[in-house]
Amino acid sequence: MVEDKFKEADGKAEQPRKRAISPIILVTVGAAIGGTGVVFVVPPRTAPVSAPAPVRELIDVQHPDQIELQCNPRVQAGKAFLSAGFYFVYRVREDREHEAFEQIKLHLDRARSNVLMLLKARTMTELNAENGQRVLAKDLVDELDAVLFPGRREDKVARVTEVLWSKWIVQ
C-alpha cells in the first residue's frame, strides 16, 4: 500500500508537465483576429464629399423709382434753385435681390431726407463747377449706400454703385 502510493506519486512526477499558453500570446492573437475581423466586417469610412458651393453672380439692378428733389442751394447773394432727379444702380448677388429690394423700401424715406440735406449743403459755385455734378454723384453714391444698406462692407446685402441723372436744373 505504501509502495502503491509512492508509485503513484512517482508516476505523476514522471509525466511531462503540460505547458500553458502565455497570456501575452493569447492577447496578441486575439487582437490580430479582432483587427482582421474589423477590416473585413466594418465598411471603410469615406470622407463626405461636399458639392462645391454654387457661384452666385453679382448683378447690377437699377431701382425703378426716381428720386426727384427741389431745393435752394447756399448762395452768397440772391436766390438759387436746384431741381434734380436721378435713379440709382446697386450691385447685388442674384439670390439676394428680393432681400435688397425690401431693404430699399424700408430705408428709402431716410435716404431721400439725407440726399436733400446733402443738396442743400452745396453752394452754387460747387454745383456749377465743371466737375460739380460728378463730385455730387460720388457723394450721393456713398450716402445712399450707407443709408439703404447699413452694416459693415462684408455683411451688406448690396452696394449702391452708380447714380444716373434724369433731371438737372440749376437757376
C-alpha atoms as a PDB file:
ATOM      1  CA  MET A   1       0.000   0.000   0.000  1.00  0.00           C
ATOM      2  CA  VAL A   2       2.656   2.369   0.888  1.00  0.00           C
ATOM      3  CA  GLU A   3       4.521   1.314  -2.195  1.00  0.00           C
ATOM      4  CA  ASP A   4       1.494   1.986  -4.352  1.00  0.00           C
ATOM      5  CA  LYS A   5       1.311   5.497  -3.047  1.00  0.00           C
ATOM      6  CA  PHE A   6       4.979   6.070  -3.904  1.00  0.00           C
ATOM      7  CA  LYS A   7       4.478   4.686  -7.392  1.00  0.00           C
ATOM      8  CA  GLU A   8       1.527   6.943  -7.967  1.00  0.00           C
ATOM      9  CA  ALA A   9       3.498   9.916  -6.709  1.00  0.00           C
ATOM     10  CA  ASP A  10       6.449   8.915  -8.885  1.00  0.00           C
ATOM     11  CA  GLY A  11       4.136   8.392 -11.851  1.00  0.00           C
ATOM     12  CA  LYS A  12       2.875  11.899 -11.573  1.00  0.00           C
ATOM     13  CA  ALA A  13       6.379  13.218 -11.315  1.00  0.00           C
ATOM     14  CA  GLU A  14       7.493  11.304 -14.378  1.00  0.00           C
ATOM     15  CA  GLN A  15       4.722  12.592 -16.618  1.00  0.00           C
ATOM     16  CA  PRO A  16       5.739  15.714 -18.560  1.00  0.00           C
ATOM     17  CA  ARG A  17       4.043  18.892 -17.439  1.00  0.00           C
ATOM     18  CA  LYS A  18       1.600  20.471 -19.859  1.00  0.00           C
ATOM     19  CA  ARG A  19       2.855  23.853 -20.866  1.00  0.00           C
ATOM     20  CA  ALA A  20       0.265  26.647 -20.551  1.00  0.00           C
ATOM     21  CA  ILE A  21      -0.024  29.274 -23.307  1.00  0.00           C
ATOM     22  CA  SER A  22       1.331  32.596 -22.199  1.00  0.00           C
ATOM     23  CA  PRO A  23      -1.322  35.330 -21.643  1.00  0.00           C
ATOM     24  CA  ILE A  24       0.667  37.747 -23.807  1.00  0.00           C
ATOM     25  CA  ILE A  25       0.417  35.379 -26.738  1.00  0.00           C
ATOM     26  CA  LEU A  26      -3.330  34.990 -26.200  1.00  0.00           C
ATOM     27  CA  VAL A  27      -3.831  38.763 -26.152  1.00  0.00           C
ATOM     28  CA  THR A  28      -1.715  39.219 -29.284  1.00  0.00           C
ATOM     29  CA  VAL A  29      -3.542  36.511 -31.223  1.00  0.00           C
ATOM     30  CA  GLY A  30      -6.924  37.865 -30.079  1.00  0.00           C
ATOM     31  CA  ALA A  31      -6.028  41.383 -31.159  1.00  0.00           C
ATOM     32  CA  ALA A  32      -4.836  40.181 -34.554  1.00  0.00           C
ATOM     33  CA  ILE A  33      -8.014  38.173 -35.139  1.00  0.00           C
ATOM     34  CA  GLY A  34     -10.186  41.054 -33.923  1.00  0.00           C
ATOM     35  CA  GLY A  35      -8.363  43.576 -36.124  1.00  0.00           C
ATOM     36  CA  THR A  36      -8.736  41.321 -39.136  1.00  0.00           C
ATOM     37  CA  GLY A  37     -12.436  40.967 -38.406  1.00  0.00           C
ATOM     38  CA  VAL A  38     -12.869  44.726 -38.192  1.00  0.00           C
ATOM     39  CA  VAL A  39     -11.112  45.190 -41.523  1.00  0.00           C
ATOM     40  CA  PHE A  40     -13.411  42.739 -43.294  1.00  0.00           C
ATOM     41  CA  VAL A  41     -16.687  43.324 -41.442  1.00  0.00           C
ATOM     42  CA  VAL A  42     -16.819  47.110 -40.864  1.00  0.00           C
ATOM     43  CA  PRO A  43     -17.254  49.101 -44.075  1.00  0.00           C
ATOM     44  CA  PRO A  44     -14.483  51.592 -44.819  1.00  0.00           C
ATOM     45  CA  ARG A  45     -15.056  55.142 -43.659  1.00  0.00           C
ATOM     46  CA  THR A  46     -15.343  57.596 -46.507  1.00  0.00           C
ATOM     47  CA  ALA A  47     -14.954  61.325 -46.157  1.00  0.00           C
ATOM     48  CA  PRO A  48     -18.134  63.145 -47.093  1.00  0.00           C
ATOM     49  CA  VAL A  49     -17.686  64.855 -50.414  1.00  0.00           C
ATOM     50  CA  SER A  50     -19.461  68.162 -50.397  1.00  0.00           C
ATOM     51  CA  ALA A  51     -20.552  69.647 -53.653  1.00  0.00           C
ATOM     52  CA  PRO A  52     -18.829  72.936 -54.383  1.00  0.00           C
ATOM     53  CA  ALA A  53     -20.917  75.919 -53.383  1.00  0.00           C
ATOM     54  CA  PRO A  54     -22.703  77.353 -56.370  1.00  0.00           C
ATOM     55  CA  VAL A  55     -21.092  80.539 -57.578  1.00  0.00           C
ATOM     56  CA  ARG A  56     -23.601  83.349 -57.327  1.00  0.00           C
ATOM     57  CA  GLU A  57     -23.186  86.108 -59.838  1.00  0.00           C
ATOM     58  CA  LEU A  58     -23.324  89.759 -58.920  1.00  0.00           C
ATOM     59  CA  ILE A  59     -25.813  91.671 -60.991  1.00  0.00           C
ATOM     60  CA  ASP A  60     -26.408  95.385 -61.363  1.00  0.00           C
ATOM     61  CA  VAL A  61     -30.001  96.430 -60.768  1.00  0.00           C
ATOM     62  CA  GLN A  62     -31.441  99.856 -61.499  1.00  0.00           C
ATOM     63  CA  HIS A  63     -34.016 100.870 -58.919  1.00  0.00           C
ATOM     64  CA  PRO A  64     -37.259 101.633 -60.774  1.00  0.00           C
ATOM     65  CA  ASP A  65     -38.295 104.676 -58.706  1.00  0.00           C
ATOM     66  CA  GLN A  66     -36.804 108.051 -59.479  1.00  0.00           C
ATOM     67  CA  ILE A  67     -35.670 110.250 -56.609  1.00  0.00           C
ATOM     68  CA  GLU A  68     -36.653 113.789 -57.523  1.00  0.00           C
ATOM     69  CA  LEU A  69     -35.909 116.729 -55.242  1.00  0.00           C
ATOM     70  CA  GLN A  70     -36.017 120.510 -55.361  1.00  0.00           C
ATOM     71  CA  CYS A  71     -34.076 122.732 -53.015  1.00  0.00           C
ATOM     72  CA  ASN A  72     -32.418 126.091 -52.596  1.00  0.00           C
ATOM     73  CA  PRO A  73     -28.634 125.675 -52.528  1.00  0.00           C
ATOM     74  CA  ARG A  74     -26.482 128.039 -50.495  1.00  0.00           C
ATOM     75  CA  VAL A  75     -25.585 131.308 -52.230  1.00  0.00           C
ATOM     76  CA  GLN A  76     -23.551 134.407 -51.358  1.00  0.00           C
ATOM     77  CA  ALA A  77     -26.241 136.840 -52.516  1.00  0.00           C
ATOM     78  CA  GLY A  78     -29.626 136.427 -54.145  1.00  0.00           C
ATOM     79  CA  LYS A  79     -31.581 133.236 -54.571  1.00  0.00           C
ATOM     80  CA  ALA A  80     -30.917 129.950 -56.317  1.00  0.00           C
ATOM     81  CA  PHE A  81     -32.985 126.936 -57.211  1.00  0.00           C
ATOM     82  CA  LEU A  82     -31.972 123.357 -57.899  1.00  0.00           C
ATOM     83  CA  SER A  83     -34.230 120.656 -59.282  1.00  0.00           C
ATOM     84  CA  ALA A  84     -32.607 117.273 -59.645  1.00  0.00           C
ATOM     85  CA  GLY A  85     -33.872 113.804 -60.415  1.00  0.00           C
ATOM     86  CA  PHE A  86     -31.913 110.577 -60.561  1.00  0.00           C
ATOM     87  CA  TYR A  87     -32.067 106.807 -60.439  1.00  0.00           C
ATOM     88  CA  PHE A  88     -29.519 104.689 -58.644  1.00  0.00           C
ATOM     89  CA  VAL A  89     -27.928 101.367 -59.515  1.00  0.00           C
ATOM     90  CA  TYR A  90     -26.983  98.804 -56.930  1.00  0.00           C
ATOM     91  CA  ARG A  91     -24.932  95.613 -57.186  1.00  0.00           C
ATOM     92  CA  VAL A  92     -26.373  92.508 -55.505  1.00  0.00           C
ATOM     93  CA  ARG A  93     -25.998  88.737 -55.680  1.00  0.00           C
ATOM     94  CA  GLU A  94     -28.762  87.288 -57.808  1.00  0.00           C
ATOM     95  CA  ASP A  95     -30.144  85.161 -54.967  1.00  0.00           C
ATOM     96  CA  ARG A  96     -30.434  88.183 -52.600  1.00  0.00           C
ATOM     97  CA  GLU A  97     -32.150  90.600 -54.990  1.00  0.00           C
ATOM     98  CA  HIS A  98     -35.513  90.405 -53.232  1.00  0.00           C
ATOM     99  CA  GLU A  99     -33.893  90.991 -49.828  1.00  0.00           C
ATOM    100  CA  ALA A 100     -32.086  94.080 -51.189  1.00  0.00           C
ATOM    101  CA  PHE A 101     -35.319  95.488 -52.618  1.00  0.00           C
ATOM    102  CA  GLU A 102     -37.049  95.056 -49.250  1.00  0.00           C
ATOM    103  CA  GLN A 103     -34.220  96.943 -47.537  1.00  0.00           C
ATOM    104  CA  ILE A 104     -34.557  99.769 -50.046  1.00  0.00           C
ATOM    105  CA  LYS A 105     -38.290 100.031 -49.357  1.00  0.00           C
ATOM    106  CA  LEU A 106     -37.572 100.138 -45.645  1.00  0.00           C
ATOM    107  CA  HIS A 107     -34.923 102.890 -45.799  1.00  0.00           C
ATOM    108  CA  LEU A 108     -35.978 104.959 -48.846  1.00  0.00           C
ATOM    109  CA  ASP A 109     -37.571 107.834 -46.881  1.00  0.00           C
ATOM    110  CA  ARG A 110     -34.440 108.281 -44.781  1.00  0.00           C
ATOM    111  CA  ALA A 111     -32.348 108.204 -47.961  1.00  0.00           C
ATOM    112  CA  ARG A 112     -34.473 110.965 -49.560  1.00  0.00           C
ATOM    113  CA  SER A 113     -34.063 113.093 -46.448  1.00  0.00           C
ATOM    114  CA  ASN A 114     -30.285 112.646 -46.362  1.00  0.00           C
ATOM    115  CA  VAL A 115     -29.982 113.402 -50.091  1.00  0.00           C
ATOM    116  CA  LEU A 116     -31.990 116.604 -49.643  1.00  0.00           C
ATOM    117  CA  MET A 117     -29.692 117.699 -46.794  1.00  0.00           C
ATOM    118  CA  LEU A 118     -26.672 116.899 -48.964  1.00  0.00           C
ATOM    119  CA  LEU A 119     -28.034 119.005 -51.847  1.00  0.00           C
ATOM    120  CA  LYS A 120     -28.899 121.953 -49.581  1.00  0.00           C
ATOM    121  CA  ALA A 121     -25.378 121.969 -48.151  1.00  0.00           C
ATOM    122  CA  ARG A 122     -23.820 122.582 -51.606  1.00  0.00           C
ATOM    123  CA  THR A 123     -23.106 126.072 -52.836  1.00  0.00           C
ATOM    124  CA  MET A 124     -23.989 127.307 -56.312  1.00  0.00           C
ATOM    125  CA  THR A 125     -20.288 127.559 -57.078  1.00  0.00           C
ATOM    126  CA  GLU A 126     -19.792 123.876 -56.277  1.00  0.00           C
ATOM    127  CA  LEU A 127     -22.829 122.828 -58.305  1.00  0.00           C
ATOM    128  CA  ASN A 128     -21.882 124.932 -61.357  1.00  0.00           C
ATOM    129  CA  ALA A 129     -18.247 123.807 -61.328  1.00  0.00           C
ATOM    130  CA  GLU A 130     -17.018 121.716 -64.229  1.00  0.00           C
ATOM    131  CA  ASN A 131     -16.927 118.517 -62.198  1.00  0.00           C
ATOM    132  CA  GLY A 132     -19.522 119.595 -59.604  1.00  0.00           C
ATOM    133  CA  GLN A 133     -22.172 117.169 -60.791  1.00  0.00           C
ATOM    134  CA  ARG A 134     -19.650 114.300 -60.852  1.00  0.00           C
ATOM    135  CA  VAL A 135     -18.456 115.038 -57.296  1.00  0.00           C
ATOM    136  CA  LEU A 136     -22.075 115.286 -56.139  1.00  0.00           C
ATOM    137  CA  ALA A 137     -22.841 111.926 -57.799  1.00  0.00           C
ATOM    138  CA  LYS A 138     -19.971 110.262 -55.903  1.00  0.00           C
ATOM    139  CA  ASP A 139     -21.177 111.771 -52.617  1.00  0.00           C
ATOM    140  CA  LEU A 140     -24.724 110.585 -53.382  1.00  0.00           C
ATOM    141  CA  VAL A 141     -23.487 107.042 -54.058  1.00  0.00           C
ATOM    142  CA  ASP A 142     -21.674 106.991 -50.708  1.00  0.00           C
ATOM    143  CA  GLU A 143     -24.672 108.412 -48.836  1.00  0.00           C
ATOM    144  CA  LEU A 144     -27.232 106.103 -50.466  1.00  0.00           C
ATOM    145  CA  ASP A 145     -25.034 103.073 -49.865  1.00  0.00           C
ATOM    146  CA  ALA A 146     -24.654 103.932 -46.171  1.00  0.00           C
ATOM    147  CA  VAL A 147     -28.382 104.598 -45.645  1.00  0.00           C
ATOM    148  CA  LEU A 148     -30.050 101.959 -47.836  1.00  0.00           C
ATOM    149  CA  PHE A 149     -27.728  99.078 -46.988  1.00  0.00           C
ATOM    150  CA  PRO A 150     -26.421  99.674 -43.458  1.00  0.00           C
ATOM    151  CA  GLY A 151     -23.747  97.482 -41.913  1.00  0.00           C
ATOM    152  CA  ARG A 152     -20.157  96.536 -42.477  1.00  0.00           C
ATOM    153  CA  ARG A 153     -18.896  96.163 -46.001  1.00  0.00           C
ATOM    154  CA  GLU A 154     -18.711  92.342 -45.836  1.00  0.00           C
ATOM    155  CA  ASP A 155     -22.186  91.965 -44.322  1.00  0.00           C
ATOM    156  CA  LYS A 156     -24.129  94.201 -46.717  1.00  0.00           C
ATOM    157  CA  VAL A 157     -26.878  92.748 -48.849  1.00  0.00           C
ATOM    158  CA  ALA A 158     -25.999  95.063 -51.745  1.00  0.00           C
ATOM    159  CA  ARG A 159     -23.942  98.136 -52.606  1.00  0.00           C
ATOM    160  CA  VAL A 160     -25.001 101.290 -54.440  1.00  0.00           C
ATOM    161  CA  THR A 161     -22.600 101.720 -57.346  1.00  0.00           C
ATOM    162  CA  GLU A 162     -23.905 104.478 -59.591  1.00  0.00           C
ATOM    163  CA  VAL A 163     -26.227 107.461 -59.881  1.00  0.00           C
ATOM    164  CA  LEU A 164     -27.998 108.024 -63.207  1.00  0.00           C
ATOM    165  CA  TRP A 165     -29.126 111.629 -63.640  1.00  0.00           C
ATOM    166  CA  SER A 166     -32.516 112.117 -65.288  1.00  0.00           C
ATOM    167  CA  LYS A 167     -33.058 115.787 -64.459  1.00  0.00           C
ATOM    168  CA  TRP A 168     -30.701 118.665 -63.596  1.00  0.00           C
ATOM    169  CA  ILE A 169     -31.886 122.249 -63.484  1.00  0.00           C
ATOM    170  CA  VAL A 170     -29.875 124.925 -61.675  1.00  0.00           C
ATOM    171  CA  GLN A 171     -31.062 128.546 -61.688  1.00  0.00           C
END
